[in-house]
PDB file of N, CA and C in Angstrom:
ATOM      1  N   UNK A   1      46.473  36.623  30.014  1.00  0.00           N
ATOM      2  CA  UNK A   1      45.752  37.380  29.001  1.00  0.00           C
ATOM      3  C   UNK A   1      44.269  37.053  29.056  1.00  0.00           C
ATOM      4  N   UNK A   2      43.442  38.049  29.017  1.00  0.00           N
ATOM      5  CA  UNK A   2      42.009  37.842  29.086  1.00  0.00           C
ATOM      6  C   UNK A   2      41.483  37.301  27.763  1.00  0.00           C
ATOM      7  N   UNK A   3      40.560  36.363  27.866  1.00  0.00           N
ATOM      8  CA  UNK A   3      39.950  35.808  26.659  1.00  0.00           C
ATOM      9  C   UNK A   3      38.546  36.366  26.469  1.00  0.00           C
ATOM     10  N   UNK A   4      38.256  37.489  27.133  1.00  0.00           N
ATOM     11  CA  UNK A   4      36.951  38.127  26.997  1.00  0.00           C
ATOM     12  C   UNK A   4      36.891  38.955  25.722  1.00  0.00           C
ATOM     13  N   UNK A   5      35.741  38.918  25.090  1.00  0.00           N
ATOM     14  CA  UNK A   5      35.501  39.715  23.899  1.00  0.00           C
ATOM     15  C   UNK A   5      34.425  40.743  24.224  1.00  0.00           C
ATOM     16  N   UNK A   6      34.649  41.984  23.846  1.00  0.00           N
ATOM     17  CA  UNK A   6      33.606  43.000  23.979  1.00  0.00           C
ATOM     18  C   UNK A   6      32.728  42.927  22.744  1.00  0.00           C
ATOM     19  N   UNK A   7      31.424  42.799  22.961  1.00  0.00           N
ATOM     20  CA  UNK A   7      30.493  42.791  21.836  1.00  0.00           C
ATOM     21  C   UNK A   7      29.627  44.041  21.906  1.00  0.00           C
ATOM     22  N   UNK A   8      29.036  44.375  20.771  1.00  0.00           N
ATOM     23  CA  UNK A   8      28.196  45.561  20.655  1.00  0.00           C
ATOM     24  C   UNK A   8      26.872  45.168  20.008  1.00  0.00           C
ATOM     25  N   UNK A   9      25.955  46.114  19.964  1.00  0.00           N
ATOM     26  CA  UNK A   9      24.701  45.875  19.246  1.00  0.00           C
ATOM     27  C   UNK A   9      24.997  45.421  17.813  1.00  0.00           C
ATOM     28  N   UNK A  10      25.988  46.073  17.191  1.00  0.00           N
ATOM     29  CA  UNK A  10      26.315  45.791  15.789  1.00  0.00           C
ATOM     30  C   UNK A  10      26.970  44.428  15.589  1.00  0.00           C
ATOM     31  N   UNK A  11      27.758  43.972  16.579  1.00  0.00           N
ATOM     32  CA  UNK A  11      28.474  42.707  16.400  1.00  0.00           C
ATOM     33  C   UNK A  11      27.751  41.509  17.014  1.00  0.00           C
ATOM     34  N   UNK A  12      26.618  41.746  17.667  1.00  0.00           N
ATOM     35  CA  UNK A  12      25.889  40.700  18.397  1.00  0.00           C
ATOM     36  C   UNK A  12      25.604  39.465  17.542  1.00  0.00           C
ATOM     37  N   UNK A  13      25.044  39.688  16.373  1.00  0.00           N
ATOM     38  CA  UNK A  13      24.650  38.544  15.543  1.00  0.00           C
ATOM     39  C   UNK A  13      25.851  37.682  15.176  1.00  0.00           C
ATOM     40  N   UNK A  14      26.927  38.289  14.737  1.00  0.00           N
ATOM     41  CA  UNK A  14      28.110  37.531  14.321  1.00  0.00           C
ATOM     42  C   UNK A  14      28.840  36.923  15.525  1.00  0.00           C
ATOM     43  N   UNK A  15      29.029  37.715  16.588  1.00  0.00           N
ATOM     44  CA  UNK A  15      29.836  37.268  17.733  1.00  0.00           C
ATOM     45  C   UNK A  15      29.107  36.310  18.661  1.00  0.00           C
ATOM     46  N   UNK A  16      27.804  36.477  18.797  1.00  0.00           N
ATOM     47  CA  UNK A  16      27.060  35.687  19.782  1.00  0.00           C
ATOM     48  C   UNK A  16      26.137  34.674  19.103  1.00  0.00           C
ATOM     49  N   UNK A  17      25.204  35.167  18.311  1.00  0.00           N
ATOM     50  CA  UNK A  17      24.229  34.252  17.702  1.00  0.00           C
ATOM     51  C   UNK A  17      24.878  33.310  16.700  1.00  0.00           C
ATOM     52  N   UNK A  18      25.950  33.751  16.066  1.00  0.00           N
ATOM     53  CA  UNK A  18      26.627  32.933  15.069  1.00  0.00           C
ATOM     54  C   UNK A  18      27.713  32.021  15.626  1.00  0.00           C
ATOM     55  N   UNK A  19      27.907  32.019  16.941  1.00  0.00           N
ATOM     56  CA  UNK A  19      28.974  31.221  17.545  1.00  0.00           C
ATOM     57  C   UNK A  19      28.658  29.733  17.481  1.00  0.00           C
ATOM     58  N   UNK A  20      29.696  28.935  17.208  1.00  0.00           N
ATOM     59  CA  UNK A  20      29.508  27.476  17.189  1.00  0.00           C
ATOM     60  C   UNK A  20      29.691  26.884  18.591  1.00  0.00           C
ATOM     61  N   UNK A  21      29.996  27.722  19.572  1.00  0.00           N
ATOM     62  CA  UNK A  21      30.120  27.301  20.967  1.00  0.00           C
ATOM     63  C   UNK A  21      29.040  27.999  21.785  1.00  0.00           C
ATOM     64  N   UNK A  22      28.685  27.438  22.957  1.00  0.00           N
ATOM     65  CA  UNK A  22      27.830  28.207  23.859  1.00  0.00           C
ATOM     66  C   UNK A  22      28.534  29.517  24.214  1.00  0.00           C
ATOM     67  N   UNK A  23      27.752  30.566  24.431  1.00  0.00           N
ATOM     68  CA  UNK A  23      28.309  31.885  24.739  1.00  0.00           C
ATOM     69  C   UNK A  23      27.752  32.365  26.079  1.00  0.00           C
ATOM     70  N   UNK A  24      28.650  32.772  26.979  1.00  0.00           N
ATOM     71  CA  UNK A  24      28.233  33.432  28.207  1.00  0.00           C
ATOM     72  C   UNK A  24      28.356  34.923  27.963  1.00  0.00           C
ATOM     73  N   UNK A  25      27.233  35.635  28.081  1.00  0.00           N
ATOM     74  CA  UNK A  25      27.228  37.083  27.893  1.00  0.00           C
ATOM     75  C   UNK A  25      27.101  37.754  29.250  1.00  0.00           C
ATOM     76  N   UNK A  26      28.020  38.653  29.536  1.00  0.00           N
ATOM     77  CA  UNK A  26      27.998  39.457  30.753  1.00  0.00           C
ATOM     78  C   UNK A  26      27.478  40.837  30.366  1.00  0.00           C
ATOM     79  N   UNK A  27      26.236  41.133  30.757  1.00  0.00           N
ATOM     80  CA  UNK A  27      25.675  42.467  30.540  1.00  0.00           C
ATOM     81  C   UNK A  27      26.087  43.324  31.729  1.00  0.00           C
ATOM     82  N   UNK A  28      26.806  44.427  31.461  1.00  0.00           N
ATOM     83  CA  UNK A  28      27.399  45.238  32.516  1.00  0.00           C
ATOM     84  C   UNK A  28      27.402  46.705  32.121  1.00  0.00           C
ATOM     85  N   UNK A  29      27.837  47.551  33.048  1.00  0.00           N
ATOM     86  CA  UNK A  29      28.056  48.980  32.770  1.00  0.00           C
ATOM     87  C   UNK A  29      29.200  49.461  33.658  1.00  0.00           C
ATOM     88  N   UNK A  30      29.943  50.472  33.201  1.00  0.00           N
ATOM     89  CA  UNK A  30      31.114  50.959  33.946  1.00  0.00           C
ATOM     90  C   UNK A  30      30.790  51.468  35.351  1.00  0.00           C
ATOM     91  N   UNK A  31      29.590  51.971  35.570  1.00  0.00           N
ATOM     92  CA  UNK A  31      29.210  52.549  36.859  1.00  0.00           C
ATOM     93  C   UNK A  31      28.665  51.511  37.839  1.00  0.00           C
ATOM     94  N   UNK A  32      28.544  50.267  37.413  1.00  0.00           N
ATOM     95  CA  UNK A  32      27.893  49.216  38.200  1.00  0.00           C
ATOM     96  C   UNK A  32      28.898  48.502  39.112  1.00  0.00           C
ATOM     97  N   UNK A  33      28.802  48.748  40.420  1.00  0.00           N
ATOM     98  CA  UNK A  33      29.702  48.122  41.386  1.00  0.00           C
ATOM     99  C   UNK A  33      29.661  46.600  41.366  1.00  0.00           C
ATOM    100  N   UNK A  34      28.472  45.982  41.446  1.00  0.00           N
ATOM    101  CA  UNK A  34      28.409  44.518  41.386  1.00  0.00           C
ATOM    102  C   UNK A  34      28.984  43.953  40.079  1.00  0.00           C
ATOM    103  N   UNK A  35      28.832  44.699  38.995  1.00  0.00           N
ATOM    104  CA  UNK A  35      29.406  44.257  37.712  1.00  0.00           C
ATOM    105  C   UNK A  35      30.929  44.186  37.820  1.00  0.00           C
ATOM    106  N   UNK A  36      31.513  45.233  38.401  1.00  0.00           N
ATOM    107  CA  UNK A  36      32.968  45.274  38.562  1.00  0.00           C
ATOM    108  C   UNK A  36      33.446  44.140  39.459  1.00  0.00           C
ATOM    109  N   UNK A  37      32.683  43.832  40.511  1.00  0.00           N
ATOM    110  CA  UNK A  37      33.102  42.776  41.434  1.00  0.00           C
ATOM    111  C   UNK A  37      32.997  41.397  40.798  1.00  0.00           C
ATOM    112  N   UNK A  38      32.176  41.253  39.769  1.00  0.00           N
ATOM    113  CA  UNK A  38      32.027  39.964  39.076  1.00  0.00           C
ATOM    114  C   UNK A  38      33.091  39.754  38.003  1.00  0.00           C
ATOM    115  N   UNK A  39      33.759  40.817  37.575  1.00  0.00           N
ATOM    116  CA  UNK A  39      34.713  40.714  36.469  1.00  0.00           C
ATOM    117  C   UNK A  39      35.805  39.664  36.693  1.00  0.00           C
ATOM    118  N   UNK A  40      36.430  39.579  37.885  1.00  0.00           N
ATOM    119  CA  UNK A  40      37.447  38.529  38.064  1.00  0.00           C
ATOM    120  C   UNK A  40      36.879  37.112  37.875  1.00  0.00           C
ATOM    121  N   UNK A  41      35.629  36.898  38.284  1.00  0.00           N
ATOM    122  CA  UNK A  41      34.992  35.583  38.103  1.00  0.00           C
ATOM    123  C   UNK A  41      34.773  35.300  36.623  1.00  0.00           C
ATOM    124  N   UNK A  42      34.313  36.311  35.910  1.00  0.00           N
ATOM    125  CA  UNK A  42      34.047  36.154  34.482  1.00  0.00           C
ATOM    126  C   UNK A  42      35.354  35.876  33.738  1.00  0.00           C
ATOM    127  N   UNK A  43      36.410  36.619  34.092  1.00  0.00           N
ATOM    128  CA  UNK A  43      37.714  36.399  33.449  1.00  0.00           C
ATOM    129  C   UNK A  43      38.262  35.009  33.762  1.00  0.00           C
ATOM    130  N   UNK A  44      38.135  34.573  35.013  1.00  0.00           N
ATOM    131  CA  UNK A  44      38.603  33.243  35.412  1.00  0.00           C
ATOM    132  C   UNK A  44      37.844  32.154  34.652  1.00  0.00           C
ATOM    133  N   UNK A  45      36.547  32.320  34.537  1.00  0.00           N
ATOM    134  CA  UNK A  45      35.727  31.356  33.809  1.00  0.00           C
ATOM    135  C   UNK A  45      36.130  31.303  32.334  1.00  0.00           C
ATOM    136  N   UNK A  46      36.398  32.466  31.756  1.00  0.00           N
ATOM    137  CA  UNK A  46      36.815  32.515  30.347  1.00  0.00           C
ATOM    138  C   UNK A  46      38.114  31.746  30.151  1.00  0.00           C
ATOM    139  N   UNK A  47      39.041  31.883  31.089  1.00  0.00           N
ATOM    140  CA  UNK A  47      40.316  31.174  30.984  1.00  0.00           C
ATOM    141  C   UNK A  47      40.132  29.676  31.184  1.00  0.00           C
ATOM    142  N   UNK A  48      39.384  29.285  32.219  1.00  0.00           N
ATOM    143  CA  UNK A  48      39.204  27.869  32.534  1.00  0.00           C
ATOM    144  C   UNK A  48      38.426  27.116  31.456  1.00  0.00           C
ATOM    145  N   UNK A  49      37.514  27.795  30.797  1.00  0.00           N
ATOM    146  CA  UNK A  49      36.646  27.110  29.841  1.00  0.00           C
ATOM    147  C   UNK A  49      36.966  27.476  28.387  1.00  0.00           C
ATOM    148  N   UNK A  50      38.145  28.039  28.180  1.00  0.00           N
ATOM    149  CA  UNK A  50      38.560  28.408  26.825  1.00  0.00           C
ATOM    150  C   UNK A  50      38.498  27.182  25.924  1.00  0.00           C
ATOM    151  N   UNK A  51      37.917  27.361  24.754  1.00  0.00           N
ATOM    152  CA  UNK A  51      37.773  26.262  23.813  1.00  0.00           C
ATOM    153  C   UNK A  51      36.445  25.529  23.958  1.00  0.00           C
ATOM    154  N   UNK A  52      35.762  25.744  25.090  1.00  0.00           N
ATOM    155  CA  UNK A  52      34.465  25.100  25.329  1.00  0.00           C
ATOM    156  C   UNK A  52      33.323  26.105  25.298  1.00  0.00           C
ATOM    157  N   UNK A  53      33.618  27.311  25.805  1.00  0.00           N
ATOM    158  CA  UNK A  53      32.616  28.371  25.921  1.00  0.00           C
ATOM    159  C   UNK A  53      33.250  29.684  25.497  1.00  0.00           C
ATOM    160  N   UNK A  54      32.502  30.476  24.762  1.00  0.00           N
ATOM    161  CA  UNK A  54      32.945  31.820  24.400  1.00  0.00           C
ATOM    162  C   UNK A  54      32.367  32.762  25.465  1.00  0.00           C
ATOM    163  N   UNK A  55      33.205  33.609  26.043  1.00  0.00           N
ATOM    164  CA  UNK A  55      32.758  34.541  27.075  1.00  0.00           C
ATOM    165  C   UNK A  55      32.895  35.959  26.540  1.00  0.00           C
ATOM    166  N   UNK A  56      31.781  36.690  26.574  1.00  0.00           N
ATOM    167  CA  UNK A  56      31.773  38.050  26.031  1.00  0.00           C
ATOM    168  C   UNK A  56      31.131  39.004  27.030  1.00  0.00           C
ATOM    169  N   UNK A  57      31.440  40.297  26.850  1.00  0.00           N
ATOM    170  CA  UNK A  57      30.856  41.359  27.665  1.00  0.00           C
ATOM    171  C   UNK A  57      30.132  42.339  26.756  1.00  0.00           C
ATOM    172  N   UNK A  58      28.962  42.808  27.213  1.00  0.00           N
ATOM    173  CA  UNK A  58      28.240  43.835  26.478  1.00  0.00           C
ATOM    174  C   UNK A  58      27.964  44.997  27.422  1.00  0.00           C
ATOM    175  N   UNK A  59      28.525  46.155  27.100  1.00  0.00           N
ATOM    176  CA  UNK A  59      28.352  47.369  27.893  1.00  0.00           C
ATOM    177  C   UNK A  59      26.953  47.936  27.609  1.00  0.00           C
ATOM    178  N   UNK A  60      26.060  47.823  28.598  1.00  0.00           N
ATOM    179  CA  UNK A  60      24.671  48.241  28.397  1.00  0.00           C
ATOM    180  C   UNK A  60      24.526  49.762  28.315  1.00  0.00           C
ATOM    181  N   UNK A  61      25.513  50.489  28.799  1.00  0.00           N
ATOM    182  CA  UNK A  61      25.475  51.950  28.728  1.00  0.00           C
ATOM    183  C   UNK A  61      25.684  52.422  27.292  1.00  0.00           C
ATOM    184  N   UNK A  62      26.550  51.726  26.566  1.00  0.00           N
ATOM    185  CA  UNK A  62      26.876  52.128  25.198  1.00  0.00           C
ATOM    186  C   UNK A  62      26.073  51.372  24.141  1.00  0.00           C
ATOM    187  N   UNK A  63      25.415  50.298  24.542  1.00  0.00           N
ATOM    188  CA  UNK A  63      24.662  49.449  23.610  1.00  0.00           C
ATOM    189  C   UNK A  63      23.300  49.139  24.216  1.00  0.00           C
ATOM    190  N   UNK A  64      22.281  49.870  23.786  1.00  0.00           N
ATOM    191  CA  UNK A  64      20.947  49.728  24.389  1.00  0.00           C
ATOM    192  C   UNK A  64      20.035  48.775  23.622  1.00  0.00           C
ATOM    193  N   UNK A  65      20.318  48.553  22.351  1.00  0.00           N
ATOM    194  CA  UNK A  65      19.413  47.778  21.505  1.00  0.00           C
ATOM    195  C   UNK A  65      19.290  46.311  21.959  1.00  0.00           C
ATOM    196  N   UNK A  66      20.399  45.634  22.142  1.00  0.00           N
ATOM    197  CA  UNK A  66      20.376  44.218  22.516  1.00  0.00           C
ATOM    198  C   UNK A  66      19.795  44.015  23.917  1.00  0.00           C
ATOM    199  N   UNK A  67      20.223  44.776  24.932  1.00  0.00           N
ATOM    200  CA  UNK A  67      19.586  44.606  26.240  1.00  0.00           C
ATOM    201  C   UNK A  67      18.067  44.816  26.189  1.00  0.00           C
ATOM    202  N   UNK A  68      17.609  45.791  25.421  1.00  0.00           N
ATOM    203  CA  UNK A  68      16.167  46.032  25.300  1.00  0.00           C
ATOM    204  C   UNK A  68      15.481  44.843  24.624  1.00  0.00           C
ATOM    205  N   UNK A  69      16.106  44.311  23.583  1.00  0.00           N
ATOM    206  CA  UNK A  69      15.531  43.179  22.851  1.00  0.00           C
ATOM    207  C   UNK A  69      15.355  41.960  23.756  1.00  0.00           C
ATOM    208  N   UNK A  70      16.293  41.760  24.680  1.00  0.00           N
ATOM    209  CA  UNK A  70      16.251  40.586  25.556  1.00  0.00           C
ATOM    210  C   UNK A  70      15.652  40.891  26.936  1.00  0.00           C
ATOM    211  N   UNK A  71      15.133  42.101  27.116  1.00  0.00           N
ATOM    212  CA  UNK A  71      14.462  42.454  28.360  1.00  0.00           C
ATOM    213  C   UNK A  71      15.385  42.568  29.560  1.00  0.00           C
ATOM    214  N   UNK A  72      16.622  42.988  29.321  1.00  0.00           N
ATOM    215  CA  UNK A  72      17.581  43.150  30.416  1.00  0.00           C
ATOM    216  C   UNK A  72      17.263  44.453  31.142  1.00  0.00           C
ATOM    217  N   UNK A  73      16.830  44.342  32.399  1.00  0.00           N
ATOM    218  CA  UNK A  73      16.491  45.533  33.176  1.00  0.00           C
ATOM    219  C   UNK A  73      17.377  45.699  34.400  1.00  0.00           C
ATOM    220  N   UNK A  74      18.128  44.666  34.760  1.00  0.00           N
ATOM    221  CA  UNK A  74      19.038  44.728  35.898  1.00  0.00           C
ATOM    222  C   UNK A  74      20.403  44.212  35.473  1.00  0.00           C
ATOM    223  N   UNK A  75      21.447  44.814  36.039  1.00  0.00           N
ATOM    224  CA  UNK A  75      22.796  44.321  35.771  1.00  0.00           C
ATOM    225  C   UNK A  75      23.513  44.129  37.092  1.00  0.00           C
ATOM    226  N   UNK A  76      24.450  43.213  37.176  1.00  0.00           N
ATOM    227  CA  UNK A  76      24.850  42.339  36.076  1.00  0.00           C
ATOM    228  C   UNK A  76      23.800  41.275  35.787  1.00  0.00           C
ATOM    229  N   UNK A  77      23.664  40.983  34.510  1.00  0.00           N
ATOM    230  CA  UNK A  77      22.873  39.839  34.054  1.00  0.00           C
ATOM    231  C   UNK A  77      23.802  38.977  33.230  1.00  0.00           C
ATOM    232  N   UNK A  78      23.712  37.686  33.462  1.00  0.00           N
ATOM    233  CA  UNK A  78      24.520  36.719  32.719  1.00  0.00           C
ATOM    234  C   UNK A  78      23.577  35.835  31.933  1.00  0.00           C
ATOM    235  N   UNK A  79      23.856  35.701  30.647  1.00  0.00           N
ATOM    236  CA  UNK A  79      22.990  34.931  29.773  1.00  0.00           C
ATOM    237  C   UNK A  79      23.837  33.912  29.021  1.00  0.00           C
ATOM    238  N   UNK A  80      23.356  32.675  28.992  1.00  0.00           N
ATOM    239  CA  UNK A  80      24.006  31.650  28.185  1.00  0.00           C
ATOM    240  C   UNK A  80      23.199  31.525  26.899  1.00  0.00           C
ATOM    241  N   UNK A  81      23.869  31.735  25.774  1.00  0.00           N
ATOM    242  CA  UNK A  81      23.255  31.604  24.448  1.00  0.00           C
ATOM    243  C   UNK A  81      23.834  30.348  23.814  1.00  0.00           C
ATOM    244  N   UNK A  82      22.971  29.449  23.408  1.00  0.00           N
ATOM    245  CA  UNK A  82      23.412  28.208  22.779  1.00  0.00           C
ATOM    246  C   UNK A  82      22.615  28.022  21.496  1.00  0.00           C
ATOM    247  N   UNK A  83      23.313  27.791  20.405  1.00  0.00           N
ATOM    248  CA  UNK A  83      22.673  27.634  19.093  1.00  0.00           C
ATOM    249  C   UNK A  83      21.765  28.820  18.764  1.00  0.00           C
ATOM    250  N   UNK A  84      22.209  30.024  19.143  1.00  0.00           N
ATOM    251  CA  UNK A  84      21.479  31.244  18.809  1.00  0.00           C
ATOM    252  C   UNK A  84      20.276  31.531  19.690  1.00  0.00           C
ATOM    253  N   UNK A  85      20.032  30.696  20.712  1.00  0.00           N
ATOM    254  CA  UNK A  85      18.871  30.866  21.585  1.00  0.00           C
ATOM    255  C   UNK A  85      19.324  31.055  23.031  1.00  0.00           C
ATOM    256  N   UNK A  86      18.500  31.749  23.829  1.00  0.00           N
ATOM    257  CA  UNK A  86      18.797  31.909  25.251  1.00  0.00           C
ATOM    258  C   UNK A  86      18.560  30.567  25.935  1.00  0.00           C
ATOM    259  N   UNK A  87      19.617  30.024  26.511  1.00  0.00           N
ATOM    260  CA  UNK A  87      19.511  28.737  27.204  1.00  0.00           C
ATOM    261  C   UNK A  87      19.261  28.944  28.694  1.00  0.00           C
ATOM    262  N   UNK A  88      19.837  30.016  29.251  1.00  0.00           N
ATOM    263  CA  UNK A  88      19.670  30.289  30.680  1.00  0.00           C
ATOM    264  C   UNK A  88      20.069  31.723  30.963  1.00  0.00           C
ATOM    265  N   UNK A  89      19.472  32.289  32.013  1.00  0.00           N
ATOM    266  CA  UNK A  89      19.785  33.662  32.405  1.00  0.00           C
ATOM    267  C   UNK A  89      19.800  33.742  33.921  1.00  0.00           C
ATOM    268  N   UNK A  90      20.804  34.405  34.464  1.00  0.00           N
ATOM    269  CA  UNK A  90      20.851  34.670  35.895  1.00  0.00           C
ATOM    270  C   UNK A  90      21.144  36.148  36.100  1.00  0.00           C
ATOM    271  N   UNK A  91      20.551  36.686  37.145  1.00  0.00           N
ATOM    272  CA  UNK A  91      20.637  38.123  37.393  1.00  0.00           C
ATOM    273  C   UNK A  91      21.292  38.369  38.742  1.00  0.00           C
ATOM    274  N   UNK A  92      22.187  39.333  38.767  1.00  0.00           N
ATOM    275  CA  UNK A  92      22.787  39.774  40.016  1.00  0.00           C
ATOM    276  C   UNK A  92      24.117  39.111  40.311  1.00  0.00           C
ATOM    277  N   UNK A  93      24.712  39.567  41.395  1.00  0.00           N
ATOM    278  CA  UNK A  93      26.012  39.062  41.812  1.00  0.00           C
ATOM    279  C   UNK A  93      25.887  37.589  42.195  1.00  0.00           C
ATOM    280  N   UNK A  94      26.834  36.775  41.732  1.00  0.00           N
ATOM    281  CA  UNK A  94      26.832  35.331  41.960  1.00  0.00           C
ATOM    282  C   UNK A  94      28.174  34.914  42.534  1.00  0.00           C
ATOM    283  N   UNK A  95      28.191  33.752  43.164  1.00  0.00           N
ATOM    284  CA  UNK A  95      29.480  33.173  43.538  1.00  0.00           C
ATOM    285  C   UNK A  95      30.117  32.611  42.270  1.00  0.00           C
ATOM    286  N   UNK A  96      31.424  32.423  42.311  1.00  0.00           N
ATOM    287  CA  UNK A  96      32.095  31.840  41.152  1.00  0.00           C
ATOM    288  C   UNK A  96      31.533  30.451  40.860  1.00  0.00           C
ATOM    289  N   UNK A  97      31.324  29.656  41.904  1.00  0.00           N
ATOM    290  CA  UNK A  97      30.810  28.286  41.727  1.00  0.00           C
ATOM    291  C   UNK A  97      29.440  28.290  41.064  1.00  0.00           C
ATOM    292  N   UNK A  98      28.562  29.211  41.465  1.00  0.00           N
ATOM    293  CA  UNK A  98      27.215  29.281  40.884  1.00  0.00           C
ATOM    294  C   UNK A  98      27.285  29.654  39.406  1.00  0.00           C
ATOM    295  N   UNK A  99      28.124  30.616  39.081  1.00  0.00           N
ATOM    296  CA  UNK A  99      28.267  31.043  37.684  1.00  0.00           C
ATOM    297  C   UNK A  99      28.827  29.908  36.834  1.00  0.00           C
ATOM    298  N   UNK A 100      29.844  29.227  37.357  1.00  0.00           N
ATOM    299  CA  UNK A 100      30.460  28.122  36.623  1.00  0.00           C
ATOM    300  C   UNK A 100      29.471  26.969  36.427  1.00  0.00           C
ATOM    301  N   UNK A 101      28.683  26.665  37.452  1.00  0.00           N
ATOM    302  CA  UNK A 101      27.684  25.590  37.349  1.00  0.00           C
ATOM    303  C   UNK A 101      26.684  25.871  36.238  1.00  0.00           C
ATOM    304  N   UNK A 102      26.235  27.113  36.139  1.00  0.00           N
ATOM    305  CA  UNK A 102      25.273  27.486  35.086  1.00  0.00           C
ATOM    306  C   UNK A 102      25.887  27.247  33.710  1.00  0.00           C
ATOM    307  N   UNK A 103      27.118  27.696  33.537  1.00  0.00           N
ATOM    308  CA  UNK A 103      27.771  27.570  32.231  1.00  0.00           C
ATOM    309  C   UNK A 103      28.054  26.102  31.905  1.00  0.00           C
ATOM    310  N   UNK A 104      28.581  25.356  32.873  1.00  0.00           N
ATOM    311  CA  UNK A 104      28.916  23.949  32.634  1.00  0.00           C
ATOM    312  C   UNK A 104      27.692  23.131  32.251  1.00  0.00           C
ATOM    313  N   UNK A 105      26.526  23.545  32.703  1.00  0.00           N
ATOM    314  CA  UNK A 105      25.301  22.838  32.352  1.00  0.00           C
ATOM    315  C   UNK A 105      24.943  22.922  30.883  1.00  0.00           C
ATOM    316  N   UNK A 106      25.632  23.783  30.142  1.00  0.00           N
ATOM    317  CA  UNK A 106      25.318  23.975  28.723  1.00  0.00           C
ATOM    318  C   UNK A 106      26.484  23.630  27.808  1.00  0.00           C
ATOM    319  N   UNK A 107      27.493  22.974  28.361  1.00  0.00           N
ATOM    320  CA  UNK A 107      28.674  22.590  27.581  1.00  0.00           C
ATOM    321  C   UNK A 107      28.546  21.114  27.208  1.00  0.00           C
ATOM    322  N   UNK A 108      28.897  20.829  25.961  1.00  0.00           N
ATOM    323  CA  UNK A 108      28.932  19.427  25.558  1.00  0.00           C
ATOM    324  C   UNK A 108      27.752  18.975  24.764  1.00  0.00           C
TER     325      UNK A 108
END
């Protein structure tokens, strides 16, 4: 079972900024090939780090406000939010190890 949560412009504050855990946000769109290829990595990370990190997806096609606010111009973009602030951001297709390393650096 996937532990990914879909967030929207409307739920951003409660789901992401209000989280008591670090949050990995996957900014994606249905038409984005690299986004689709990253999904298994994102799902695997959500399962492996359940209880330590909250992993969410934000569809940039349907939710433009939050990506604009954070200056997201390329997808996939992965952002780690910790204590309501951007802790780290990486853009583009990544290896699973690279994505996991970024997230693990903000746990604990």
